[in-house]
Amino acid sequence: MGDTSTIDDDLEDEGPQKALQITLASVKHLPKMDTLGKCDPFLTVSFDGQDKETKVIKKVYDASYGEKFSFELDPENAATPGELVIVVWDWERVGANDRVGEVRLKEEEMVSIVGQPVGWVKEEDAVVTSEGKIVKGHDGHQCTVSYTIEVVQAAGTLSRVGSSSSSASKSKSSLFWRTPSFASSTGSFNTRGGGGVG
């Protein structure tokens, strides 16, 4: 019977295949978007050529989602993962959805994030901008999106990493940090045509 210890050691050295889990928690202080109503918001998150979106919540100025989305990480793209963009949309029954604004995490920040160990978490209340300007809500407050990014173990790798998952879980509290609200300095946009699915 062949010696499998070398193979096992190689797998442990590689570590777990990682993924980013993005939780889109809420959007607050939305502007009035509809002539006869409030706003019908939904959020999209785009990263590494993938687009995900939340449900639509109708006729509100504050919306809670709590929806989680997973993006598996390609180790070969760790140095150039691209930007992560969260876009706030106003759903329209007829015609294209209206883009309210965005939160953009630049590539240099994403390089740092994808390099973090499994169990690392970042929670943020980020200011929404449009064309480089802060989006103001119907009440005059800054529009914000609350989200969490967590580096997790990718699906299908549990059998390869053994106890690494539990050790990461134990150290999770020491890896957690919260960033204060900030305003994006860029006016560039994710060019997703038409704005989501109505």
N, C-alpha and C. Protein backbone atom coordinates (compact mmCIF):
# COMPACT_ATOMS: atom_id res chain seq x y z
N MET A 1 0.85 -1.19 0.00
CA MET A 1 0.00 0.00 0.00
C MET A 1 0.88 1.24 0.00
N GLY A 2 0.60 2.21 -0.88
CA GLY A 2 1.44 3.39 -1.04
C GLY A 2 1.36 4.31 0.16
N ASP A 3 2.42 5.10 0.33
CA ASP A 3 2.49 6.06 1.42
C ASP A 3 1.77 7.34 1.00
N THR A 4 0.67 7.67 1.69
CA THR A 4 -0.13 8.85 1.32
C THR A 4 0.22 10.06 2.16
N SER A 5 1.20 9.94 3.07
CA SER A 5 1.51 11.05 3.97
C SER A 5 1.99 12.28 3.21
N THR A 6 2.76 12.05 2.13
CA THR A 6 3.27 13.17 1.34
C THR A 6 2.14 13.93 0.69
N ILE A 7 1.17 13.18 0.15
CA ILE A 7 0.01 13.82 -0.48
C ILE A 7 -0.76 14.63 0.53
N ASP A 8 -1.00 14.05 1.72
CA ASP A 8 -1.73 14.76 2.76
C ASP A 8 -1.01 16.03 3.18
N ASP A 9 0.33 15.94 3.30
CA ASP A 9 1.10 17.12 3.70
C ASP A 9 0.99 18.22 2.66
N ASP A 10 1.01 17.83 1.37
CA ASP A 10 0.89 18.82 0.30
C ASP A 10 -0.43 19.54 0.37
N LEU A 11 -1.52 18.79 0.65
CA LEU A 11 -2.84 19.40 0.73
C LEU A 11 -2.93 20.37 1.88
N GLU A 12 -2.31 20.02 3.01
CA GLU A 12 -2.34 20.90 4.17
C GLU A 12 -1.56 22.17 3.90
N ASP A 13 -0.40 22.03 3.16
CA ASP A 13 0.41 23.20 2.85
C ASP A 13 -0.35 24.17 1.96
N GLU A 14 -1.17 23.64 1.04
CA GLU A 14 -1.93 24.50 0.15
C GLU A 14 -2.99 25.28 0.90
N GLY A 15 -3.51 24.73 1.98
CA GLY A 15 -4.56 25.41 2.73
C GLY A 15 -5.89 25.28 2.01
N PRO A 16 -6.95 25.75 2.66
CA PRO A 16 -8.28 25.62 2.07
C PRO A 16 -8.50 26.55 0.88
N GLN A 17 -9.29 26.10 -0.08
CA GLN A 17 -9.73 26.97 -1.15
C GLN A 17 -10.68 27.99 -0.54
N LYS A 18 -10.46 29.27 -0.81
CA LYS A 18 -11.22 30.32 -0.15
C LYS A 18 -12.30 30.91 -1.05
N ALA A 19 -13.27 31.53 -0.40
CA ALA A 19 -14.34 32.26 -1.09
C ALA A 19 -14.66 33.51 -0.29
N LEU A 20 -15.25 34.49 -0.94
CA LEU A 20 -15.75 35.66 -0.25
C LEU A 20 -17.25 35.51 -0.07
N GLN A 21 -17.72 35.70 1.15
CA GLN A 21 -19.15 35.71 1.43
C GLN A 21 -19.56 37.15 1.72
N ILE A 22 -20.41 37.69 0.88
CA ILE A 22 -20.87 39.06 1.03
C ILE A 22 -22.29 39.05 1.56
N THR A 23 -22.52 39.69 2.69
CA THR A 23 -23.86 39.84 3.23
C THR A 23 -24.31 41.28 3.01
N LEU A 24 -25.35 41.45 2.22
CA LEU A 24 -25.93 42.77 1.99
C LEU A 24 -27.04 42.94 3.02
N ALA A 25 -26.75 43.73 4.06
CA ALA A 25 -27.65 43.83 5.20
C ALA A 25 -28.79 44.79 4.95
N SER A 26 -28.47 46.02 4.54
CA SER A 26 -29.53 47.02 4.43
C SER A 26 -29.07 48.24 3.64
N VAL A 27 -30.02 49.05 3.24
CA VAL A 27 -29.76 50.38 2.69
C VAL A 27 -30.67 51.35 3.42
N LYS A 28 -30.13 52.52 3.76
CA LYS A 28 -30.89 53.48 4.56
C LYS A 28 -30.84 54.88 3.95
N HIS A 29 -31.84 55.68 4.29
CA HIS A 29 -31.92 57.08 3.86
C HIS A 29 -31.93 57.21 2.33
N LEU A 30 -32.81 56.44 1.72
CA LEU A 30 -32.95 56.50 0.27
C LEU A 30 -33.63 57.79 -0.17
N PRO A 31 -33.29 58.28 -1.35
CA PRO A 31 -33.99 59.46 -1.88
C PRO A 31 -35.35 59.07 -2.45
N LYS A 32 -36.21 60.05 -2.59
CA LYS A 32 -37.51 59.81 -3.24
C LYS A 32 -37.25 59.63 -4.73
N MET A 33 -37.63 58.49 -5.28
CA MET A 33 -37.32 58.16 -6.67
C MET A 33 -38.56 58.13 -7.55
N ASP A 34 -39.73 57.92 -6.95
CA ASP A 34 -40.96 57.79 -7.73
C ASP A 34 -41.87 58.98 -7.50
N THR A 35 -42.49 59.45 -8.55
CA THR A 35 -43.36 60.63 -8.44
C THR A 35 -44.50 60.39 -7.47
N LEU A 36 -45.11 59.22 -7.53
CA LEU A 36 -46.27 58.93 -6.68
C LEU A 36 -45.94 57.98 -5.53
N GLY A 37 -44.68 57.77 -5.27
CA GLY A 37 -44.31 56.85 -4.20
C GLY A 37 -42.97 57.19 -3.60
N LYS A 38 -42.36 56.22 -2.95
CA LYS A 38 -41.08 56.43 -2.29
C LYS A 38 -39.95 55.88 -3.17
N CYS A 39 -39.49 54.68 -2.84
CA CYS A 39 -38.43 54.03 -3.61
C CYS A 39 -38.67 52.53 -3.54
N ASP A 40 -38.31 51.81 -4.60
CA ASP A 40 -38.44 50.35 -4.64
C ASP A 40 -37.04 49.76 -4.80
N PRO A 41 -36.25 49.76 -3.72
CA PRO A 41 -34.83 49.43 -3.86
C PRO A 41 -34.51 47.95 -3.94
N PHE A 42 -33.45 47.65 -4.68
CA PHE A 42 -32.76 46.37 -4.59
C PHE A 42 -31.29 46.65 -4.81
N LEU A 43 -30.44 45.73 -4.39
CA LEU A 43 -29.00 45.89 -4.47
C LEU A 43 -28.40 44.83 -5.38
N THR A 44 -27.34 45.20 -6.08
CA THR A 44 -26.54 44.22 -6.81
C THR A 44 -25.12 44.30 -6.30
N VAL A 45 -24.41 43.18 -6.32
CA VAL A 45 -22.99 43.15 -5.98
C VAL A 45 -22.27 42.44 -7.11
N SER A 46 -21.19 43.06 -7.58
CA SER A 46 -20.44 42.53 -8.72
C SER A 46 -18.98 42.36 -8.33
N PHE A 47 -18.43 41.18 -8.64
CA PHE A 47 -17.02 40.91 -8.35
C PHE A 47 -16.54 39.78 -9.24
N ASP A 48 -15.37 39.94 -9.81
CA ASP A 48 -14.73 38.89 -10.59
C ASP A 48 -15.63 38.38 -11.72
N GLY A 49 -16.32 39.31 -12.37
CA GLY A 49 -17.15 38.95 -13.52
C GLY A 49 -18.49 38.33 -13.17
N GLN A 50 -18.85 38.32 -11.89
CA GLN A 50 -20.12 37.74 -11.45
C GLN A 50 -21.02 38.83 -10.87
N ASP A 51 -22.30 38.74 -11.14
CA ASP A 51 -23.29 39.69 -10.62
C ASP A 51 -24.33 38.94 -9.80
N LYS A 52 -24.63 39.44 -8.61
CA LYS A 52 -25.67 38.88 -7.76
C LYS A 52 -26.62 40.02 -7.38
N GLU A 53 -27.87 39.67 -7.05
CA GLU A 53 -28.80 40.72 -6.66
C GLU A 53 -29.78 40.27 -5.59
N THR A 54 -30.26 41.25 -4.83
CA THR A 54 -31.22 40.97 -3.77
C THR A 54 -32.64 41.04 -4.32
N LYS A 55 -33.57 40.76 -3.45
CA LYS A 55 -34.97 40.95 -3.78
C LYS A 55 -35.29 42.44 -3.83
N VAL A 56 -36.43 42.78 -4.40
CA VAL A 56 -36.92 44.16 -4.42
C VAL A 56 -37.83 44.37 -3.22
N ILE A 57 -37.64 45.47 -2.52
CA ILE A 57 -38.54 45.86 -1.44
C ILE A 57 -39.21 47.17 -1.85
N LYS A 58 -40.52 47.16 -1.91
CA LYS A 58 -41.25 48.28 -2.51
C LYS A 58 -41.71 49.33 -1.50
N LYS A 59 -41.71 50.57 -1.98
CA LYS A 59 -42.30 51.72 -1.29
C LYS A 59 -41.69 51.95 0.10
N VAL A 60 -40.36 52.10 0.13
CA VAL A 60 -39.67 52.33 1.40
C VAL A 60 -38.55 53.36 1.20
N TYR A 61 -38.05 53.89 2.31
CA TYR A 61 -36.84 54.72 2.32
C TYR A 61 -35.70 54.01 3.04
N ASP A 62 -36.01 52.94 3.76
CA ASP A 62 -35.02 52.09 4.42
C ASP A 62 -35.41 50.64 4.15
N ALA A 63 -34.45 49.84 3.73
CA ALA A 63 -34.76 48.44 3.39
C ALA A 63 -33.73 47.51 4.02
N SER A 64 -34.22 46.41 4.61
CA SER A 64 -33.35 45.39 5.20
C SER A 64 -33.42 44.13 4.35
N TYR A 65 -32.24 43.55 4.05
CA TYR A 65 -32.17 42.36 3.20
C TYR A 65 -31.58 41.15 3.94
N GLY A 66 -30.38 41.29 4.47
CA GLY A 66 -29.73 40.16 5.13
C GLY A 66 -29.43 39.01 4.19
N GLU A 67 -29.21 39.30 2.92
CA GLU A 67 -28.98 38.26 1.93
C GLU A 67 -27.48 38.03 1.73
N LYS A 68 -27.09 36.74 1.63
CA LYS A 68 -25.70 36.36 1.52
C LYS A 68 -25.38 35.83 0.12
N PHE A 69 -24.22 36.21 -0.38
CA PHE A 69 -23.78 35.77 -1.70
C PHE A 69 -22.32 35.34 -1.61
N SER A 70 -21.98 34.27 -2.34
CA SER A 70 -20.63 33.72 -2.28
C SER A 70 -19.92 33.87 -3.62
N PHE A 71 -18.65 34.25 -3.55
CA PHE A 71 -17.79 34.37 -4.73
C PHE A 71 -16.53 33.55 -4.47
N GLU A 72 -16.35 32.45 -5.20
CA GLU A 72 -15.13 31.66 -5.01
C GLU A 72 -13.94 32.43 -5.57
N LEU A 73 -12.80 32.29 -4.88
CA LEU A 73 -11.60 33.02 -5.24
C LEU A 73 -10.65 32.15 -6.05
N ASP A 74 -10.17 32.70 -7.14
CA ASP A 74 -9.18 32.00 -7.97
C ASP A 74 -7.79 32.43 -7.51
N PRO A 75 -6.98 31.52 -6.95
CA PRO A 75 -5.65 31.89 -6.47
C PRO A 75 -4.79 32.56 -7.53
N GLU A 76 -5.02 32.23 -8.81
CA GLU A 76 -4.23 32.82 -9.88
C GLU A 76 -4.54 34.29 -10.09
N ASN A 77 -5.72 34.74 -9.59
CA ASN A 77 -6.11 36.14 -9.74
C ASN A 77 -5.93 36.94 -8.45
N ALA A 78 -5.22 36.36 -7.48
CA ALA A 78 -5.09 37.01 -6.18
C ALA A 78 -4.44 38.39 -6.27
N ALA A 79 -3.54 38.57 -7.22
CA ALA A 79 -2.84 39.84 -7.36
C ALA A 79 -3.66 40.87 -8.13
N THR A 80 -4.64 40.41 -8.90
CA THR A 80 -5.48 41.32 -9.69
C THR A 80 -6.94 40.88 -9.61
N PRO A 81 -7.55 40.94 -8.44
CA PRO A 81 -8.93 40.44 -8.30
C PRO A 81 -9.99 41.38 -8.88
N GLY A 82 -9.61 42.61 -9.17
CA GLY A 82 -10.58 43.58 -9.66
C GLY A 82 -11.32 44.25 -8.51
N GLU A 83 -12.25 45.12 -8.84
CA GLU A 83 -13.02 45.85 -7.84
C GLU A 83 -14.27 45.08 -7.44
N LEU A 84 -14.79 45.41 -6.27
CA LEU A 84 -16.09 44.91 -5.84
C LEU A 84 -17.04 46.11 -5.81
N VAL A 85 -18.17 45.99 -6.47
CA VAL A 85 -19.09 47.12 -6.60
C VAL A 85 -20.49 46.71 -6.14
N ILE A 86 -21.01 47.48 -5.21
CA ILE A 86 -22.40 47.33 -4.76
C ILE A 86 -23.19 48.50 -5.32
N VAL A 87 -24.25 48.19 -6.04
CA VAL A 87 -25.07 49.24 -6.66
C VAL A 87 -26.47 49.22 -6.06
N VAL A 88 -26.98 50.40 -5.77
CA VAL A 88 -28.35 50.57 -5.28
C VAL A 88 -29.22 50.95 -6.47
N TRP A 89 -30.30 50.20 -6.67
CA TRP A 89 -31.21 50.44 -7.79
C TRP A 89 -32.61 50.75 -7.28
N ASP A 90 -33.35 51.49 -8.08
CA ASP A 90 -34.78 51.69 -7.86
C ASP A 90 -35.51 50.91 -8.94
N TRP A 91 -36.24 49.88 -8.53
CA TRP A 91 -36.95 49.02 -9.48
C TRP A 91 -38.07 49.77 -10.18
N GLU A 92 -38.19 49.54 -11.47
CA GLU A 92 -39.27 50.14 -12.27
C GLU A 92 -40.07 49.03 -12.94
N ARG A 93 -41.39 49.13 -12.84
CA ARG A 93 -42.24 48.12 -13.46
C ARG A 93 -42.11 48.14 -14.98
N VAL A 94 -41.98 49.34 -15.54
CA VAL A 94 -41.86 49.50 -16.99
C VAL A 94 -40.55 50.24 -17.29
N GLY A 95 -39.79 49.73 -18.24
CA GLY A 95 -38.55 50.38 -18.62
C GLY A 95 -37.39 49.98 -17.73
N ALA A 96 -36.26 50.67 -17.94
CA ALA A 96 -35.04 50.35 -17.21
C ALA A 96 -35.13 50.79 -15.76
N ASN A 97 -34.50 50.04 -14.88
CA ASN A 97 -34.42 50.41 -13.48
C ASN A 97 -33.52 51.64 -13.32
N ASP A 98 -33.80 52.45 -12.32
CA ASP A 98 -33.02 53.67 -12.08
C ASP A 98 -31.88 53.38 -11.12
N ARG A 99 -30.72 53.84 -11.47
CA ARG A 99 -29.54 53.66 -10.63
C ARG A 99 -29.47 54.78 -9.60
N VAL A 100 -29.50 54.42 -8.33
CA VAL A 100 -29.45 55.42 -7.26
C VAL A 100 -28.01 55.82 -6.97
N GLY A 101 -27.12 54.85 -6.88
CA GLY A 101 -25.72 55.12 -6.60
C GLY A 101 -24.97 53.84 -6.31
N GLU A 102 -23.74 53.96 -5.83
CA GLU A 102 -22.88 52.80 -5.67
C GLU A 102 -21.94 52.94 -4.49
N VAL A 103 -21.42 51.78 -4.09
CA VAL A 103 -20.30 51.68 -3.16
C VAL A 103 -19.24 50.86 -3.88
N ARG A 104 -18.03 51.39 -3.97
CA ARG A 104 -16.99 50.73 -4.76
C ARG A 104 -15.76 50.47 -3.91
N LEU A 105 -15.35 49.20 -3.84
CA LEU A 105 -14.11 48.83 -3.18
C LEU A 105 -13.05 48.64 -4.26
N LYS A 106 -12.03 49.50 -4.23
CA LYS A 106 -11.02 49.49 -5.28
C LYS A 106 -10.17 48.23 -5.24
N GLU A 107 -9.49 47.96 -6.35
CA GLU A 107 -8.74 46.72 -6.48
C GLU A 107 -7.67 46.57 -5.40
N GLU A 108 -6.99 47.67 -5.04
CA GLU A 108 -5.94 47.53 -4.04
C GLU A 108 -6.49 47.07 -2.69
N GLU A 109 -7.73 47.49 -2.36
CA GLU A 109 -8.35 47.02 -1.13
C GLU A 109 -8.75 45.56 -1.25
N MET A 110 -9.23 45.16 -2.43
CA MET A 110 -9.63 43.77 -2.64
C MET A 110 -8.42 42.83 -2.62
N VAL A 111 -7.25 43.30 -3.08
CA VAL A 111 -6.03 42.49 -3.00
C VAL A 111 -5.75 42.14 -1.54
N SER A 112 -5.88 43.14 -0.65
CA SER A 112 -5.67 42.90 0.77
C SER A 112 -6.71 41.94 1.34
N ILE A 113 -7.96 42.10 0.93
CA ILE A 113 -9.04 41.27 1.47
C ILE A 113 -8.89 39.81 1.06
N VAL A 114 -8.63 39.55 -0.24
CA VAL A 114 -8.54 38.16 -0.70
C VAL A 114 -7.31 37.46 -0.12
N GLY A 115 -6.35 38.23 0.37
CA GLY A 115 -5.17 37.64 0.98
C GLY A 115 -5.34 37.30 2.45
N GLN A 116 -6.50 37.62 3.03
CA GLN A 116 -6.75 37.35 4.44
C GLN A 116 -7.07 35.87 4.67
N PRO A 117 -6.85 35.37 5.88
CA PRO A 117 -7.14 33.96 6.17
C PRO A 117 -8.63 33.70 6.33
N VAL A 118 -8.99 32.44 6.23
CA VAL A 118 -10.37 32.03 6.47
C VAL A 118 -10.78 32.45 7.88
N GLY A 119 -11.94 33.08 7.99
CA GLY A 119 -12.43 33.56 9.27
C GLY A 119 -12.34 35.06 9.43
N TRP A 120 -11.61 35.73 8.53
CA TRP A 120 -11.49 37.19 8.58
C TRP A 120 -12.81 37.84 8.18
N VAL A 121 -13.21 38.88 8.89
CA VAL A 121 -14.50 39.54 8.64
C VAL A 121 -14.33 41.06 8.64
N LYS A 122 -15.03 41.70 7.74
CA LYS A 122 -15.09 43.16 7.71
C LYS A 122 -16.55 43.58 7.61
N GLU A 123 -16.97 44.47 8.51
CA GLU A 123 -18.33 45.00 8.48
C GLU A 123 -18.25 46.50 8.27
N GLU A 124 -19.13 47.02 7.42
CA GLU A 124 -19.04 48.44 7.09
C GLU A 124 -20.40 49.05 6.80
N ASP A 125 -20.55 50.31 7.18
CA ASP A 125 -21.67 51.15 6.77
C ASP A 125 -21.07 52.18 5.81
N ALA A 126 -21.29 51.99 4.51
CA ALA A 126 -20.62 52.80 3.50
C ALA A 126 -21.56 53.81 2.87
N VAL A 127 -21.05 54.99 2.61
CA VAL A 127 -21.83 56.04 1.99
C VAL A 127 -21.98 55.78 0.50
N VAL A 128 -23.19 55.94 -0.01
CA VAL A 128 -23.50 55.73 -1.43
C VAL A 128 -23.19 57.02 -2.20
N THR A 129 -22.52 56.87 -3.33
CA THR A 129 -22.21 58.02 -4.17
C THR A 129 -22.75 57.82 -5.58
N SER A 130 -22.94 58.94 -6.28
CA SER A 130 -23.36 58.91 -7.68
C SER A 130 -22.60 60.01 -8.41
N GLU A 131 -21.84 59.62 -9.42
CA GLU A 131 -21.01 60.56 -10.17
C GLU A 131 -20.11 61.37 -9.25
N GLY A 132 -19.56 60.70 -8.25
CA GLY A 132 -18.62 61.33 -7.35
C GLY A 132 -19.23 62.16 -6.24
N LYS A 133 -20.56 62.24 -6.18
CA LYS A 133 -21.23 63.03 -5.16
C LYS A 133 -22.00 62.12 -4.21
N ILE A 134 -22.03 62.50 -2.93
CA ILE A 134 -22.77 61.73 -1.94
C ILE A 134 -24.27 61.81 -2.22
N VAL A 135 -24.92 60.65 -2.20
CA VAL A 135 -26.37 60.60 -2.41
C VAL A 135 -27.07 60.97 -1.11
N LYS A 136 -27.93 61.97 -1.15
CA LYS A 136 -28.68 62.39 0.02
C LYS A 136 -30.09 61.79 -0.02
N GLY A 137 -30.54 61.32 1.12
CA GLY A 137 -31.85 60.71 1.21
C GLY A 137 -32.97 61.73 1.26
N HIS A 138 -34.19 61.25 1.29
CA HIS A 138 -35.37 62.10 1.34
C HIS A 138 -35.37 62.97 2.59
N ASP A 139 -34.65 62.51 3.64
CA ASP A 139 -34.61 63.22 4.91
C ASP A 139 -33.36 64.09 5.07
N GLY A 140 -32.56 64.18 4.00
CA GLY A 140 -31.36 64.99 4.05
C GLY A 140 -30.12 64.28 4.56
N HIS A 141 -30.28 63.04 5.06
CA HIS A 141 -29.14 62.27 5.55
C HIS A 141 -28.44 61.55 4.40
N GLN A 142 -27.18 61.20 4.62
CA GLN A 142 -26.44 60.45 3.62
C GLN A 142 -27.03 59.05 3.45
N CYS A 143 -27.19 58.64 2.21
CA CYS A 143 -27.65 57.29 1.92
C CYS A 143 -26.50 56.32 2.18
N THR A 144 -26.76 55.24 2.90
CA THR A 144 -25.71 54.28 3.25
C THR A 144 -26.15 52.85 2.99
N VAL A 145 -25.17 52.02 2.71
CA VAL A 145 -25.36 50.57 2.57
C VAL A 145 -24.57 49.88 3.67
N SER A 146 -25.20 48.97 4.39
CA SER A 146 -24.53 48.17 5.41
C SER A 146 -24.25 46.78 4.83
N TYR A 147 -22.99 46.36 4.90
CA TYR A 147 -22.64 45.05 4.35
C TYR A 147 -21.51 44.44 5.17
N THR A 148 -21.33 43.14 4.98
CA THR A 148 -20.25 42.40 5.63
C THR A 148 -19.54 41.55 4.58
N ILE A 149 -18.21 41.55 4.63
CA ILE A 149 -17.40 40.67 3.80
C ILE A 149 -16.68 39.68 4.71
N GLU A 150 -16.79 38.40 4.41
CA GLU A 150 -16.11 37.39 5.20
C GLU A 150 -15.34 36.45 4.29
N VAL A 151 -14.11 36.13 4.66
CA VAL A 151 -13.34 35.13 3.94
C VAL A 151 -13.71 33.77 4.53
N VAL A 152 -14.28 32.91 3.70
CA VAL A 152 -14.76 31.61 4.17
C VAL A 152 -14.11 30.50 3.37
N GLN A 153 -14.31 29.30 3.83
CA GLN A 153 -13.83 28.13 3.11
C GLN A 153 -14.77 27.81 1.97
N ALA A 154 -14.22 27.64 0.80
CA ALA A 154 -15.05 27.38 -0.37
C ALA A 154 -15.77 26.05 -0.24
N ALA A 155 -16.94 25.95 -0.84
CA ALA A 155 -17.72 24.72 -0.81
C ALA A 155 -16.93 23.59 -1.45
N GLY A 156 -17.04 22.38 -0.84
CA GLY A 156 -16.39 21.21 -1.42
C GLY A 156 -14.97 20.98 -0.95
N THR A 157 -14.46 21.81 0.00
CA THR A 157 -13.08 21.62 0.46
C THR A 157 -13.01 21.16 1.91
N LEU A 158 -14.16 20.85 2.52
CA LEU A 158 -14.17 20.46 3.93
C LEU A 158 -13.29 19.24 4.21
N SER A 159 -13.36 18.24 3.33
CA SER A 159 -12.63 17.01 3.58
C SER A 159 -11.12 17.20 3.44
N ARG A 160 -10.69 18.28 2.81
CA ARG A 160 -9.27 18.48 2.57
C ARG A 160 -8.59 19.22 3.70
N VAL A 161 -9.34 20.02 4.46
CA VAL A 161 -8.68 20.89 5.41
C VAL A 161 -8.79 20.41 6.85
N GLY A 162 -9.58 19.37 7.11
CA GLY A 162 -9.63 18.79 8.43
C GLY A 162 -9.99 19.80 9.49
N SER A 163 -9.07 20.00 10.45
CA SER A 163 -9.35 20.85 11.60
C SER A 163 -9.13 22.31 11.34
N SER A 164 -8.67 22.72 10.16
CA SER A 164 -8.37 24.12 9.92
C SER A 164 -9.61 24.97 10.04
N SER A 165 -10.79 24.41 9.70
CA SER A 165 -12.03 25.17 9.78
C SER A 165 -12.34 25.55 11.21
N SER A 166 -12.18 24.57 12.15
CA SER A 166 -12.50 24.86 13.53
C SER A 166 -11.51 25.83 14.13
N SER A 167 -10.22 25.74 13.74
CA SER A 167 -9.24 26.66 14.28
C SER A 167 -9.48 28.06 13.79
N ALA A 168 -9.94 28.18 12.51
CA ALA A 168 -10.26 29.50 11.98
C ALA A 168 -11.44 30.09 12.71
N SER A 169 -12.43 29.21 13.04
CA SER A 169 -13.61 29.69 13.74
C SER A 169 -13.26 30.22 15.11
N LYS A 170 -12.31 29.52 15.81
CA LYS A 170 -11.93 29.93 17.15
C LYS A 170 -11.24 31.29 17.14
N SER A 171 -10.50 31.58 16.04
CA SER A 171 -9.76 32.83 15.98
C SER A 171 -10.53 33.94 15.31
N LYS A 172 -11.79 33.67 14.94
CA LYS A 172 -12.57 34.63 14.16
C LYS A 172 -12.74 35.95 14.90
N SER A 173 -12.97 35.89 16.20
CA SER A 173 -13.22 37.11 16.94
C SER A 173 -12.04 38.06 16.89
N SER A 174 -10.83 37.53 16.83
CA SER A 174 -9.65 38.39 16.80
C SER A 174 -9.42 38.98 15.42
N LEU A 175 -10.09 38.43 14.40
CA LEU A 175 -9.92 38.92 13.05
C LEU A 175 -10.99 39.93 12.66
N PHE A 176 -12.03 40.06 13.48
CA PHE A 176 -13.15 40.92 13.14
C PHE A 176 -12.83 42.38 13.42
N TRP A 177 -13.16 43.24 12.46
CA TRP A 177 -13.01 44.67 12.69
C TRP A 177 -14.08 45.42 11.92
N ARG A 178 -14.39 46.61 12.39
CA ARG A 178 -15.45 47.41 11.80
C ARG A 178 -14.88 48.72 11.29
N THR A 179 -15.23 49.07 10.06
CA THR A 179 -14.73 50.30 9.46
C THR A 179 -15.80 51.37 9.52
N PRO A 180 -15.47 52.61 9.90
CA PRO A 180 -16.47 53.66 9.93
C PRO A 180 -16.94 54.04 8.54
N SER A 181 -18.04 54.76 8.48
CA SER A 181 -18.60 55.18 7.20
C SER A 181 -17.59 56.01 6.44
N PHE A 182 -17.61 55.88 5.11
CA PHE A 182 -16.75 56.70 4.29
C PHE A 182 -17.47 57.00 2.99
N ALA A 183 -17.01 58.04 2.31
CA ALA A 183 -17.56 58.41 1.02
C ALA A 183 -16.57 58.04 -0.05
N SER A 184 -17.01 57.37 -1.10
CA SER A 184 -16.15 57.02 -2.22
C SER A 184 -15.70 58.27 -2.94
N SER A 185 -14.47 58.27 -3.42
CA SER A 185 -13.95 59.44 -4.11
C SER A 185 -14.02 59.30 -5.61
N THR A 186 -14.60 58.21 -6.08
CA THR A 186 -14.65 58.00 -7.52
C THR A 186 -16.06 58.15 -8.05
N GLY A 187 -16.13 58.61 -9.28
CA GLY A 187 -17.44 58.75 -9.91
C GLY A 187 -17.69 57.70 -10.95
N SER A 188 -16.80 56.72 -11.06
CA SER A 188 -16.95 55.69 -12.07
C SER A 188 -18.01 54.69 -11.67
N PHE A 189 -18.53 53.96 -12.65
CA PHE A 189 -19.65 53.07 -12.40
C PHE A 189 -19.39 51.68 -12.92
N ASN A 190 -20.07 50.73 -12.31
CA ASN A 190 -20.19 49.41 -12.89
C ASN A 190 -21.15 49.51 -14.07
N THR A 191 -20.71 49.07 -15.25
CA THR A 191 -21.50 49.29 -16.46
C THR A 191 -22.41 48.12 -16.75
N ARG A 192 -23.22 47.73 -15.77
CA ARG A 192 -24.17 46.65 -15.99
C ARG A 192 -25.36 47.21 -16.74
N GLY A 193 -25.54 46.79 -17.96
CA GLY A 193 -26.55 47.37 -18.82
C GLY A 193 -27.97 47.25 -18.29
N GLY A 194 -28.70 48.37 -18.29
CA GLY A 194 -30.12 48.35 -17.98
C GLY A 194 -30.43 48.29 -16.52
N GLY A 195 -29.48 47.91 -15.68
CA GLY A 195 -29.71 47.96 -14.24
C GLY A 195 -30.49 46.82 -13.66
N GLY A 196 -29.93 45.65 -13.64
CA GLY A 196 -30.53 44.56 -12.88
C GLY A 196 -31.76 43.95 -13.52
N VAL A 197 -32.41 43.13 -12.77
CA VAL A 197 -33.60 42.43 -13.26
C VAL A 197 -34.82 42.99 -12.58
N GLY A 198 -35.77 43.45 -13.31
CA GLY A 198 -36.94 44.04 -12.73
C GLY A 198 -37.94 43.01 -12.30
